[in-house]
C-alpha atoms as a PDB file:
ATOM      1  CA  MET A   1       0.285  -9.442  -8.234  1.00  0.00           C
ATOM      2  CA  ARG A   2      -0.735  -7.660  -4.680  1.00  0.00           C
ATOM      3  CA  THR A   3      -2.491  -4.355  -4.911  1.00  0.00           C
ATOM      4  CA  ILE A   4      -3.511  -1.779  -2.483  1.00  0.00           C
ATOM      5  CA  ALA A   5      -5.622   0.760  -2.666  1.00  0.00           C
ATOM      6  CA  LEU A   6      -4.984   4.468  -0.514  1.00  0.00           C
ATOM      7  CA  THR A   7      -8.413   5.968  -1.271  1.00  0.00           C
ATOM      8  CA  ASN A   8     -10.373   8.205   0.213  1.00  0.00           C
ATOM      9  CA  GLN A   9     -12.598  11.072  -1.205  1.00  0.00           C
ATOM     10  CA  LYS A  10     -12.313  13.441   1.542  1.00  0.00           C
ATOM     11  CA  GLY A  11      -8.893  15.523  -0.005  1.00  0.00           C
ATOM     12  CA  GLY A  12      -5.995  16.584   2.207  1.00  0.00           C
ATOM     13  CA  VAL A  13      -5.315  13.639   4.124  1.00  0.00           C
ATOM     14  CA  GLY A  14      -1.946  11.823   3.085  1.00  0.00           C
ATOM     15  CA  LYS A  15      -2.738   9.705   0.440  1.00  0.00           C
ATOM     16  CA  THR A  16       0.130  10.398  -1.808  1.00  0.00           C
ATOM     17  CA  THR A  17       2.387  10.305   1.019  1.00  0.00           C
ATOM     18  CA  LEU A  18       1.753   7.497   2.130  1.00  0.00           C
ATOM     19  CA  ALA A  19       1.240   5.489  -1.174  1.00  0.00           C
ATOM     20  CA  CYS A  20       4.933   7.147  -2.045  1.00  0.00           C
ATOM     21  CA  HIS A  21       6.664   5.819   1.396  1.00  0.00           C
ATOM     22  CA  LEU A  22       4.707   1.938   0.887  1.00  0.00           C
ATOM     23  CA  ALA A  23       5.791   1.575  -2.403  1.00  0.00           C
ATOM     24  CA  VAL A  24       9.592   2.787  -1.611  1.00  0.00           C
ATOM     25  CA  ALA A  25       9.510   0.265   1.648  1.00  0.00           C
ATOM     26  CA  PHE A  26       8.612  -2.837  -0.723  1.00  0.00           C
ATOM     27  CA  THR A  27      10.738  -1.477  -3.489  1.00  0.00           C
ATOM     28  CA  GLN A  28      13.788  -1.705  -0.509  1.00  0.00           C
ATOM     29  CA  ALA A  29      12.358  -5.016  -0.039  1.00  0.00           C
ATOM     30  CA  GLY A  30      12.995  -5.979  -2.841  1.00  0.00           C
ATOM     31  CA  GLN A  31      10.060  -6.557  -3.951  1.00  0.00           C
ATOM     32  CA  ASN A  32       8.779  -4.823  -8.040  1.00  0.00           C
ATOM     33  CA  VAL A  33       6.401  -2.180  -7.386  1.00  0.00           C
ATOM     34  CA  VAL A  34       4.546  -0.493  -9.736  1.00  0.00           C
ATOM     35  CA  LEU A  35       2.894   3.019  -8.110  1.00  0.00           C
ATOM     36  CA  LEU A  36      -0.493   3.892 -10.360  1.00  0.00           C
ATOM     37  CA  ASP A  37      -1.176   7.536 -10.285  1.00  0.00           C
ATOM     38  CA  LEU A  38      -4.921   8.140 -10.925  1.00  0.00           C
ATOM     39  CA  ASP A  39      -5.821  11.788  -9.165  1.00  0.00           C
ATOM     40  CA  PRO A  40      -5.676  14.104 -12.095  1.00  0.00           C
ATOM     41  CA  GLN A  41      -3.593  16.268 -10.001  1.00  0.00           C
ATOM     42  CA  ALA A  42      -0.370  13.986 -10.578  1.00  0.00           C
ATOM     43  CA  SER A  43       1.200  14.667  -7.742  1.00  0.00           C
ATOM     44  CA  ALA A  44       2.710  10.439  -7.048  1.00  0.00           C
ATOM     45  CA  ALA A  45       3.819  11.523 -10.593  1.00  0.00           C
ATOM     46  CA  GLU A  46       5.685  14.897 -10.564  1.00  0.00           C
ATOM     47  CA  TRP A  47       7.036  12.588  -7.537  1.00  0.00           C
ATOM     48  CA  GLY A  48       8.379  10.290  -9.497  1.00  0.00           C
ATOM     49  CA  ASP A  49       9.747  12.506 -12.063  1.00  0.00           C
ATOM     50  CA  ALA A  50      11.867  14.012  -9.512  1.00  0.00           C
ATOM     51  CA  ARG A  51      13.495  10.480  -8.518  1.00  0.00           C
ATOM     52  CA  GLU A  52      17.108   9.714  -9.406  1.00  0.00           C
ATOM     53  CA  ALA A  53      16.361   6.148  -8.592  1.00  0.00           C
ATOM     54  CA  GLU A  54      14.682   4.146 -11.112  1.00  0.00           C
ATOM     55  CA  PHE A  55      12.237   2.128  -8.545  1.00  0.00           C
ATOM     56  CA  PRO A  56       9.404   1.884  -7.787  1.00  0.00           C
ATOM     57  CA  HIS A  57       8.209   2.461 -11.526  1.00  0.00           C
ATOM     58  CA  VAL A  58       5.338   5.574 -11.249  1.00  0.00           C
ATOM     59  CA  GLN A  59       3.130   6.282 -14.217  1.00  0.00           C
ATOM     60  CA  SER A  60       0.229   8.685 -13.902  1.00  0.00           C
ATOM     61  CA  ILE A  61      -2.914   6.741 -16.009  1.00  0.00           C
ATOM     62  CA  GLN A  62      -6.436   7.846 -16.631  1.00  0.00           C
ATOM     63  CA  PRO A  63      -8.906   6.311 -14.469  1.00  0.00           C
ATOM     64  CA  SER A  64     -10.628   4.305 -17.569  1.00  0.00           C
ATOM     65  CA  ARG A  65      -7.725   2.742 -18.244  1.00  0.00           C
ATOM     66  CA  LEU A  66      -6.281   1.097 -14.892  1.00  0.00           C
ATOM     67  CA  ALA A  67      -7.907  -2.198 -15.380  1.00  0.00           C
ATOM     68  CA  LYS A  68      -6.124  -2.602 -18.393  1.00  0.00           C
ATOM     69  CA  THR A  69      -2.759  -1.171 -16.840  1.00  0.00           C
ATOM     70  CA  ALA A  70      -3.178  -3.325 -13.406  1.00  0.00           C
ATOM     71  CA  GLN A  71      -3.229  -6.592 -16.341  1.00  0.00           C
ATOM     72  CA  GLN A  72      -0.243  -4.896 -18.182  1.00  0.00           C
ATOM     73  CA  MET A  73       1.603  -4.808 -14.948  1.00  0.00           C
ATOM     74  CA  LYS A  74       0.663  -8.056 -13.385  1.00  0.00           C
ATOM     75  CA  GLU A  75       1.978  -9.638 -17.049  1.00  0.00           C
ATOM     76  CA  ILE A  76       5.444  -7.812 -16.745  1.00  0.00           C
ATOM     77  CA  GLY A  77       5.841  -9.460 -13.555  1.00  0.00           C
ATOM     78  CA  ALA A  78       5.236  -6.753 -10.800  1.00  0.00           C
ATOM     79  CA  ASP A  79       4.728  -7.960  -7.698  1.00  0.00           C
ATOM     80  CA  ILE A  80       3.253  -5.483  -5.956  1.00  0.00           C
ATOM     81  CA  LEU A  81       0.833  -2.374  -6.969  1.00  0.00           C
ATOM     82  CA  ILE A  82      -0.515   0.764  -5.694  1.00  0.00           C
ATOM     83  CA  LEU A  83      -3.547   2.706  -6.431  1.00  0.00           C
ATOM     84  CA  ASP A  84      -3.434   6.592  -5.148  1.00  0.00           C
ATOM     85  CA  THR A  85      -6.639   7.466  -6.173  1.00  0.00           C
ATOM     86  CA  ALA A  86      -7.940  10.710  -6.743  1.00  0.00           C
ATOM     87  CA  PRO A  87     -10.608  12.145  -3.811  1.00  0.00           C
ATOM     88  CA  HIS A  88     -14.451  13.352  -4.782  1.00  0.00           C
ATOM     89  CA  SER A  89     -14.576  10.802  -7.324  1.00  0.00           C
ATOM     90  CA  GLU A  90     -17.090   7.663  -6.750  1.00  0.00           C
ATOM     91  CA  GLY A  91     -16.508   5.817  -9.181  1.00  0.00           C
ATOM     92  CA  THR A  92     -13.075   5.964  -9.817  1.00  0.00           C
ATOM     93  CA  VAL A  93     -12.398   5.105  -6.149  1.00  0.00           C
ATOM     94  CA  MET A  94     -15.045   1.823  -6.355  1.00  0.00           C
ATOM     95  CA  ASP A  95     -13.006   0.784  -9.622  1.00  0.00           C
ATOM     96  CA  ALA A  96     -10.002   0.996  -7.888  1.00  0.00           C
ATOM     97  CA  ILE A  97     -11.138  -0.941  -4.161  1.00  0.00           C
ATOM     98  CA  ARG A  98     -12.471  -3.745  -6.103  1.00  0.00           C
ATOM     99  CA  LEU A  99      -9.411  -4.346  -7.858  1.00  0.00           C
ATOM    100  CA  ALA A 100      -6.882  -4.217  -4.102  1.00  0.00           C
ATOM    101  CA  ASP A 101      -6.532  -7.118  -2.272  1.00  0.00           C
ATOM    102  CA  LEU A 102      -5.841  -4.389   0.568  1.00  0.00           C
ATOM    103  CA  VAL A 103      -7.566  -0.564   0.575  1.00  0.00           C
ATOM    104  CA  LEU A 104      -6.273   1.709   3.319  1.00  0.00           C
ATOM    105  CA  ILE A 105      -7.621   4.471   3.774  1.00  0.00           C
ATOM    106  CA  PRO A 106      -5.909   7.671   5.511  1.00  0.00           C
ATOM    107  CA  CYS A 107      -7.547  10.065   7.590  1.00  0.00           C
ATOM    108  CA  GLN A 108      -6.569  12.789  10.423  1.00  0.00           C
ATOM    109  CA  PRO A 109      -8.096  12.782  13.353  1.00  0.00           C
ATOM    110  CA  SER A 110     -10.101  15.355  13.371  1.00  0.00           C
ATOM    111  CA  ILE A 111     -14.242  15.600  13.956  1.00  0.00           C
ATOM    112  CA  MET A 112     -14.136  17.073   9.833  1.00  0.00           C
ATOM    113  CA  ASP A 113     -12.314  13.802   8.621  1.00  0.00           C
ATOM    114  CA  LEU A 114     -14.012  11.956  10.374  1.00  0.00           C
ATOM    115  CA  ARG A 115     -17.706  12.215   9.296  1.00  0.00           C
ATOM    116  CA  ALA A 116     -16.098  12.885   5.783  1.00  0.00           C
ATOM    117  CA  MET A 117     -14.075   9.381   5.335  1.00  0.00           C
ATOM    118  CA  SER A 118     -17.593   7.662   5.858  1.00  0.00           C
ATOM    119  CA  LYS A 119     -18.835   7.643   1.994  1.00  0.00           C
ATOM    120  CA  THR A 120     -15.670   5.804   1.568  1.00  0.00           C
ATOM    121  CA  ILE A 121     -16.338   3.888   4.275  1.00  0.00           C
ATOM    122  CA  ASN A 122     -19.675   2.754   2.467  1.00  0.00           C
ATOM    123  CA  LEU A 123     -18.534   2.038  -0.804  1.00  0.00           C
ATOM    124  CA  VAL A 124     -15.717  -0.602   0.532  1.00  0.00           C
ATOM    125  CA  LYS A 125     -18.961  -2.217   2.431  1.00  0.00           C
ATOM    126  CA  LEU A 126     -20.434  -3.086  -0.963  1.00  0.00           C
ATOM    127  CA  THR A 127     -17.231  -4.854  -1.602  1.00  0.00           C
ATOM    128  CA  GLN A 128     -15.253  -8.146   0.046  1.00  0.00           C
ATOM    129  CA  VAL A 129     -12.062  -6.660   0.712  1.00  0.00           C
ATOM    130  CA  HIS A 130      -9.858  -6.128   3.455  1.00  0.00           C
ATOM    131  CA  ALA A 131      -9.478  -2.606   4.520  1.00  0.00           C
ATOM    132  CA  PHE A 132      -8.265  -0.914   7.323  1.00  0.00           C
ATOM    133  CA  ALA A 133      -8.256   3.089   8.197  1.00  0.00           C
ATOM    134  CA  VAL A 134      -4.500   4.370   9.139  1.00  0.00           C
ATOM    135  CA  LEU A 135      -4.284   7.458  11.230  1.00  0.00           C
ATOM    136  CA  ASN A 136      -1.584  10.159   9.812  1.00  0.00           C
ATOM    137  CA  GLY A 137      -0.549  13.401  10.353  1.00  0.00           C
ATOM    138  CA  VAL A 138      -0.776  12.601  14.403  1.00  0.00           C
ATOM    139  CA  GLN A 139      -0.064  15.351  16.463  1.00  0.00           C
ATOM    140  CA  HIS A 140       3.217  14.576  18.935  1.00  0.00           C
ATOM    141  CA  HIS A 141       1.311  16.458  21.677  1.00  0.00           C
ATOM    142  CA  SER A 142      -2.538  15.450  20.786  1.00  0.00           C
ATOM    143  CA  THR A 143      -2.309  11.359  21.296  1.00  0.00           C
ATOM    144  CA  MET A 144      -5.989  11.347  22.992  1.00  0.00           C
ATOM    145  CA  ALA A 145      -7.509  13.023  20.006  1.00  0.00           C
ATOM    146  CA  ALA A 146      -5.606   9.940  18.024  1.00  0.00           C
ATOM    147  CA  VAL A 147      -7.137   7.613  20.943  1.00  0.00           C
ATOM    148  CA  GLU A 148     -10.444   9.106  20.588  1.00  0.00           C
ATOM    149  CA  ALA A 149     -10.521   8.689  16.366  1.00  0.00           C
ATOM    150  CA  GLU A 150      -9.499   5.199  16.744  1.00  0.00           C
ATOM    151  CA  LYS A 151     -12.771   4.174  18.258  1.00  0.00           C
ATOM    152  CA  THR A 152     -14.376   6.598  16.817  1.00  0.00           C
ATOM    153  CA  ILE A 153     -13.774   4.581  13.401  1.00  0.00           C
ATOM    154  CA  ARG A 154     -14.017   1.612  15.125  1.00  0.00           C
ATOM    155  CA  ASP A 155     -16.995   1.767  16.941  1.00  0.00           C
ATOM    156  CA  HIS A 156     -18.915   3.943  15.009  1.00  0.00           C
ATOM    157  CA  LEU A 157     -18.034   3.721  11.903  1.00  0.00           C
ATOM    158  CA  GLY A 158     -17.482  -0.204  11.541  1.00  0.00           C
ATOM    159  CA  LEU A 159     -13.644   0.028  10.167  1.00  0.00           C
ATOM    160  CA  PRO A 160     -10.684  -1.568  11.565  1.00  0.00           C
ATOM    161  CA  VAL A 161      -8.086   0.774  12.212  1.00  0.00           C
ATOM    162  CA  ALA A 162      -4.180  -0.024  11.846  1.00  0.00           C
ATOM    163  CA  PRO A 163      -1.971  -0.339  14.893  1.00  0.00           C
ATOM    164  CA  VAL A 164       0.686   1.713  13.213  1.00  0.00           C
ATOM    165  CA  LYS A 165      -0.069   5.754  13.585  1.00  0.00           C
ATOM    166  CA  ILE A 166       1.927   8.194  11.147  1.00  0.00           C
ATOM    167  CA  GLY A 167       2.915  11.390  12.653  1.00  0.00           C
ATOM    168  CA  GLU A 168       2.911  14.957  11.339  1.00  0.00           C
ATOM    169  CA  ARG A 169       6.643  15.183  10.681  1.00  0.00           C
ATOM    170  CA  VAL A 170       9.066  17.705   8.186  1.00  0.00           C
ATOM    171  CA  ALA A 171       9.961  14.506   6.821  1.00  0.00           C
ATOM    172  CA  TYR A 172       7.507  13.720   5.200  1.00  0.00           C
ATOM    173  CA  ASN A 173       6.952  17.119   3.555  1.00  0.00           C
ATOM    174  CA  ARG A 174      10.768  18.122   2.705  1.00  0.00           C
ATOM    175  CA  CYS A 175      11.314  14.452   0.593  1.00  0.00           C
ATOM    176  CA  PHE A 176       8.589  15.463  -1.770  1.00  0.00           C
ATOM    177  CA  ILE A 177      11.233  18.252  -2.948  1.00  0.00           C
ATOM    178  CA  THR A 178      13.773  15.362  -3.824  1.00  0.00           C
ATOM    179  CA  GLY A 179      11.724  12.748  -5.037  1.00  0.00           C
ATOM    180  CA  GLN A 180      12.888  10.995  -1.810  1.00  0.00           C
ATOM    181  CA  ALA A 181      10.758   8.617   1.317  1.00  0.00           C
ATOM    182  CA  ALA A 182      11.802   9.705   4.341  1.00  0.00           C
ATOM    183  CA  GLN A 183      13.600   6.362   5.293  1.00  0.00           C
ATOM    184  CA  GLU A 184      15.650   7.799   2.359  1.00  0.00           C
ATOM    185  CA  ILE A 185      16.253  10.988   3.493  1.00  0.00           C
ATOM    186  CA  GLU A 186      16.795  10.109   7.215  1.00  0.00           C
ATOM    187  CA  PRO A 187      17.183   6.716   7.545  1.00  0.00           C
ATOM    188  CA  ASP A 188      17.279   6.483  11.618  1.00  0.00           C
ATOM    189  CA  GLY A 189      14.555   9.312  11.638  1.00  0.00           C
ATOM    190  CA  LYS A 190      11.233   8.575  13.257  1.00  0.00           C
ATOM    191  CA  ALA A 191       9.707   8.911  10.274  1.00  0.00           C
ATOM    192  CA  ALA A 192      11.489   5.758   8.684  1.00  0.00           C
ATOM    193  CA  ALA A 193      10.641   4.396  11.951  1.00  0.00           C
ATOM    194  CA  GLU A 194       6.882   4.783  11.117  1.00  0.00           C
ATOM    195  CA  ILE A 195       7.178   3.916   7.623  1.00  0.00           C
ATOM    196  CA  LYS A 196       9.185   0.765   8.411  1.00  0.00           C
ATOM    197  CA  LYS A 197       6.300  -0.363  10.838  1.00  0.00           C
ATOM    198  CA  LEU A 198       3.788   0.294   8.665  1.00  0.00           C
ATOM    199  CA  HIS A 199       5.147  -1.553   5.760  1.00  0.00           C
ATOM    200  CA  LYS A 200       5.776  -4.427   7.294  1.00  0.00           C
ATOM    201  CA  TRP A 201       2.357  -4.573   8.638  1.00  0.00           C
ATOM    202  CA  THR A 202       0.980  -3.737   5.452  1.00  0.00           C
ATOM    203  CA  ALA A 203       2.965  -6.856   3.966  1.00  0.00           C
ATOM    204  CA  LYS A 204       1.656  -9.359   6.454  1.00  0.00           C
ATOM    205  CA  GLN A 205      -2.395  -8.338   6.214  1.00  0.00           C
ATOM    206  CA  LEU A 206      -1.255  -9.171   2.138  1.00  0.00           C
ATOM    207  CA  GLU A 207      -0.113 -12.300   3.430  1.00  0.00           C
ATOM    208  CA  ARG A 208      -3.718 -13.616   4.514  1.00  0.00           C
ATOM    209  CA  VAL A 209      -5.787 -12.294   2.119  1.00  0.00           C
ATOM    210  CA  PRO A 210      -6.283 -15.456  -0.816  1.00  0.00           C
ATOM    211  CA  ALA A 211      -3.608 -15.969  -3.433  1.00  0.00           C
END
């Protein structure tokens, strides 16, 4: 079983959106996926409740149950475990990071987001886990802001940035109403294409992590 943690101590950066979309993408690729919602707001769990499709399995748990639940998921044959963490919770974030094979830190290309994510990066640096920032909510007319944000994260915060950038698209918001993912409601849309690229890149990163 491989574990991916979506984390950032700042709220509103798109952790749940990316967690749900990656969960569907890995499921569509034929893998058994479990998405654990560690956020008290339980947005991912509510999305899961709204889904008509049986998979991926989505479960809301108390952070204190993370290690035990992860072990149970491994025992029942899960291939991919995705952790959607809560903001403003250093202990939970650290537990998720230590458990993960890969950490993705969603971040919007704004100065406030860049400043806030330094706390999460410092936690990641306490471990040996593979971690990347993922630029999310990138506006179509402001590609320069994304370029500058990537440079700041890489050169000043010391964290590599995923080559796939996620745009600010209506499809990502629409799908939460119906418990779907963008690739399900608009298979040929731009959002679906972005998620396909992100899934492919993420899968490659997992392959590079020693078993």
